[in-house]
Amino acid sequence: MRNRAFSQDRPEAILPGVSFHRGVPPVKTLPKLVAAVAVVSAFTFAAAKGKESAAFQQTAYDKLTWTEMMPGGPSVHVLWGDMKKGPYALLMKFPAGFDSGPHTHSSDYHGVLVKGRMTNTSEGAAEAGAVEAGSTWDQPGKVVHRNQCAPDAECVMLIAQDKPFDFAPAKAK
């Protein structure tokens, strides 16, 4: 007997609540799937750290509260945790065309591009080119890198980090 939970007849049984569209190329649903897995993972990590939510919460994207980090630069919406102490996860929104310039962070972070198109470069790594929503990356701490949002639309990325957030401008080599 076949295990119906992993049947091609019922792909929605694998991740309840994630829409799988028959006949639609997987590339179109992949960004939503990756973003959903990232958010679920972030909340699972928070629960494992003993920071369970008191009640179910849901906020529409257009109702999120954004805190500007610098005029004309990125804004953040903290999902859980404390970015000054870590661990935490947040959404970071860049204006269209924003360029972070070369910089470092003290510790590793993990990113998922949720919206837009970006180019991420990291010292010592091969040129990766632009990535689109659903793409992920792991940025080692203390490594000079740069994040650039494409000029045609804002970019939003999910960032998870075990340690406090910091940003140190650096010179590109």
Protein backbone atom coordinates (compact mmCIF):
# COMPACT_ATOMS: atom_id res chain seq x y z
CA MET A 1 0.00 0.00 0.00
CA ARG A 2 1.30 3.46 -0.93
CA ASN A 3 1.88 6.07 1.73
CA ARG A 4 -0.74 8.70 0.83
CA ALA A 5 1.07 11.44 2.79
CA PHE A 6 3.79 11.61 0.13
CA SER A 7 1.64 10.77 -2.86
CA GLN A 8 1.84 12.81 -6.04
CA ASP A 9 -1.95 12.76 -5.91
CA ARG A 10 -1.92 14.87 -2.72
CA PRO A 11 1.24 17.03 -2.61
CA GLU A 12 -0.47 19.42 -0.18
CA ALA A 13 -0.20 16.70 2.50
CA ILE A 14 3.57 17.27 2.62
CA LEU A 15 3.26 20.89 3.80
CA PRO A 16 -0.31 21.64 4.88
CA GLY A 17 -1.31 25.19 4.05
CA VAL A 18 1.17 25.51 1.17
CA SER A 19 -0.55 25.63 -2.17
CA PHE A 20 0.72 23.22 -4.82
CA HIS A 21 -0.74 23.93 -8.25
CA ARG A 22 -0.99 21.00 -10.63
CA GLY A 23 0.17 21.91 -14.12
CA VAL A 24 2.13 24.95 -12.92
CA PRO A 25 5.89 24.64 -13.37
CA PRO A 26 7.60 24.10 -9.98
CA VAL A 27 9.73 27.22 -10.57
CA LYS A 28 6.65 29.38 -10.02
CA THR A 29 5.79 27.82 -6.65
CA LEU A 30 9.36 27.36 -5.39
CA PRO A 31 9.86 30.92 -4.03
CA LYS A 32 6.66 30.68 -1.99
CA LEU A 33 7.63 27.23 -0.74
CA VAL A 34 11.14 28.33 0.25
CA ALA A 35 9.81 31.43 2.02
CA ALA A 36 7.19 29.34 3.85
CA VAL A 37 9.79 26.80 4.96
CA ALA A 38 12.10 29.61 6.13
CA VAL A 39 9.38 31.26 8.20
CA VAL A 40 8.24 27.94 9.69
CA SER A 41 11.88 27.13 10.49
CA ALA A 42 12.36 30.51 12.14
CA PHE A 43 9.34 30.00 14.38
CA THR A 44 10.40 26.42 15.15
CA PHE A 45 13.85 27.68 16.18
CA ALA A 46 12.27 30.29 18.46
CA ALA A 47 10.09 27.65 20.12
CA ALA A 48 13.13 25.43 20.63
CA LYS A 49 14.80 28.33 22.45
CA GLY A 50 11.80 28.55 24.81
CA LYS A 51 10.34 31.70 23.27
CA GLU A 52 6.93 30.38 22.33
CA SER A 53 4.24 32.84 21.30
CA ALA A 54 1.37 33.39 23.70
CA ALA A 55 -1.20 33.25 20.90
CA PHE A 56 -1.53 32.83 17.15
CA GLN A 57 -0.56 35.98 15.29
CA GLN A 58 -0.89 36.88 11.63
CA THR A 59 -0.07 40.18 9.97
CA ALA A 60 -0.66 41.10 6.33
CA TYR A 61 2.42 42.42 4.53
CA ASP A 62 0.93 45.90 4.09
CA LYS A 63 0.27 46.08 7.87
CA LEU A 64 3.83 45.23 9.01
CA THR A 65 5.58 47.81 11.17
CA TRP A 66 8.93 48.80 9.68
CA THR A 67 11.74 50.54 11.58
CA GLU A 68 14.06 52.59 9.41
CA MET A 69 17.71 51.76 10.08
CA MET A 70 19.01 54.86 8.27
CA PRO A 71 17.38 57.56 6.12
CA GLY A 72 16.86 56.25 2.58
CA GLY A 73 18.27 52.86 3.57
CA PRO A 74 16.96 49.56 4.85
CA SER A 75 14.02 49.12 7.21
CA VAL A 76 13.41 46.11 9.43
CA HIS A 77 10.45 44.23 10.85
CA VAL A 78 11.54 41.88 13.66
CA LEU A 79 9.71 38.55 13.49
CA TRP A 80 11.02 37.14 16.77
CA GLY A 81 13.90 37.54 19.17
CA ASP A 82 16.05 40.59 19.85
CA MET A 83 18.42 41.82 17.16
CA LYS A 84 20.51 43.59 19.83
CA LYS A 85 21.09 40.35 21.75
CA GLY A 86 20.35 37.47 19.35
CA PRO A 87 19.04 35.08 18.33
CA TYR A 88 16.48 36.72 16.07
CA ALA A 89 14.81 36.66 12.68
CA LEU A 90 13.67 39.72 10.79
CA LEU A 91 12.51 40.98 7.45
CA MET A 92 14.82 43.62 5.97
CA LYS A 93 13.44 45.86 3.22
CA PHE A 94 15.75 47.69 0.79
CA PRO A 95 14.60 50.49 -1.51
CA ALA A 96 14.92 49.77 -5.24
CA GLY A 97 18.53 50.33 -6.32
CA PHE A 98 19.95 50.27 -2.77
CA ASP A 99 23.62 49.29 -2.44
CA SER A 100 24.89 48.37 1.03
CA GLY A 101 28.50 48.99 0.07
CA PRO A 102 31.21 46.63 1.27
CA HIS A 103 30.68 45.62 4.90
CA THR A 104 30.99 42.84 7.46
CA HIS A 105 29.04 41.40 10.38
CA SER A 106 30.65 39.84 13.46
CA SER A 107 28.84 36.53 13.05
CA ASP A 108 27.20 34.36 10.39
CA TYR A 109 23.70 35.05 9.13
CA HIS A 110 21.30 33.12 6.93
CA GLY A 111 19.18 34.86 4.30
CA VAL A 112 16.16 34.18 2.12
CA LEU A 113 15.13 36.67 -0.55
CA VAL A 114 11.37 37.02 -0.15
CA LYS A 115 10.69 39.78 -2.69
CA GLY A 116 12.62 41.44 -5.51
CA ARG A 117 15.93 40.73 -7.20
CA MET A 118 19.37 41.17 -5.58
CA THR A 119 23.04 40.66 -6.22
CA ASN A 120 25.05 39.40 -3.25
CA THR A 121 28.82 39.31 -3.51
CA SER A 122 31.16 37.90 -0.90
CA GLU A 123 34.94 38.20 -0.75
CA GLY A 124 36.63 35.02 -1.89
CA ALA A 125 33.47 33.57 -3.44
CA ALA A 126 32.76 33.14 -7.14
CA GLU A 127 30.55 35.84 -8.69
CA ALA A 128 27.04 34.47 -8.23
CA GLY A 129 24.96 36.96 -10.23
CA ALA A 130 21.48 38.21 -9.39
CA VAL A 131 19.08 36.07 -7.36
CA GLU A 132 15.30 36.19 -7.26
CA ALA A 133 12.67 35.58 -4.58
CA GLY A 134 13.08 32.17 -2.99
CA SER A 135 16.88 32.19 -3.21
CA THR A 136 18.89 31.51 -0.05
CA TRP A 137 22.43 32.20 1.11
CA ASP A 138 24.64 31.75 4.16
CA GLN A 139 26.97 34.67 4.87
CA PRO A 140 29.95 33.88 7.11
CA GLY A 141 30.79 36.46 9.76
CA LYS A 142 33.81 38.75 9.37
CA VAL A 143 33.80 38.31 5.56
CA VAL A 144 33.50 41.46 3.43
CA HIS A 145 30.37 41.31 1.31
CA ARG A 146 27.88 43.56 -0.48
CA ASN A 147 24.10 43.41 -1.04
CA GLN A 148 22.58 45.29 -3.97
CA CYS A 149 18.87 45.53 -4.74
CA ALA A 150 17.94 45.72 -8.43
CA PRO A 151 16.78 49.18 -9.56
CA ASP A 152 13.30 48.10 -10.70
CA ALA A 153 11.64 47.20 -7.36
CA GLU A 154 12.24 47.05 -3.60
CA CYS A 155 13.81 43.94 -2.09
CA VAL A 156 12.78 42.14 1.09
CA MET A 157 14.90 39.45 2.69
CA LEU A 158 14.42 37.28 5.73
CA ILE A 159 17.52 37.18 7.94
CA ALA A 160 18.12 34.79 10.83
CA GLN A 161 21.13 35.16 13.10
CA ASP A 162 22.13 33.50 16.38
CA LYS A 163 24.12 36.49 17.64
CA PRO A 164 23.42 40.26 17.79
CA PHE A 165 23.09 42.24 14.57
CA ASP A 166 25.93 44.56 13.69
CA PHE A 167 27.20 46.29 10.56
CA ALA A 168 30.77 47.45 9.96
CA PRO A 169 31.61 49.32 6.73
CA ALA A 170 34.68 47.83 5.03
CA LYS A 171 36.97 48.52 2.10
CA ALA A 172 36.54 46.25 -0.89
CA LYS A 173 39.71 44.39 -1.82
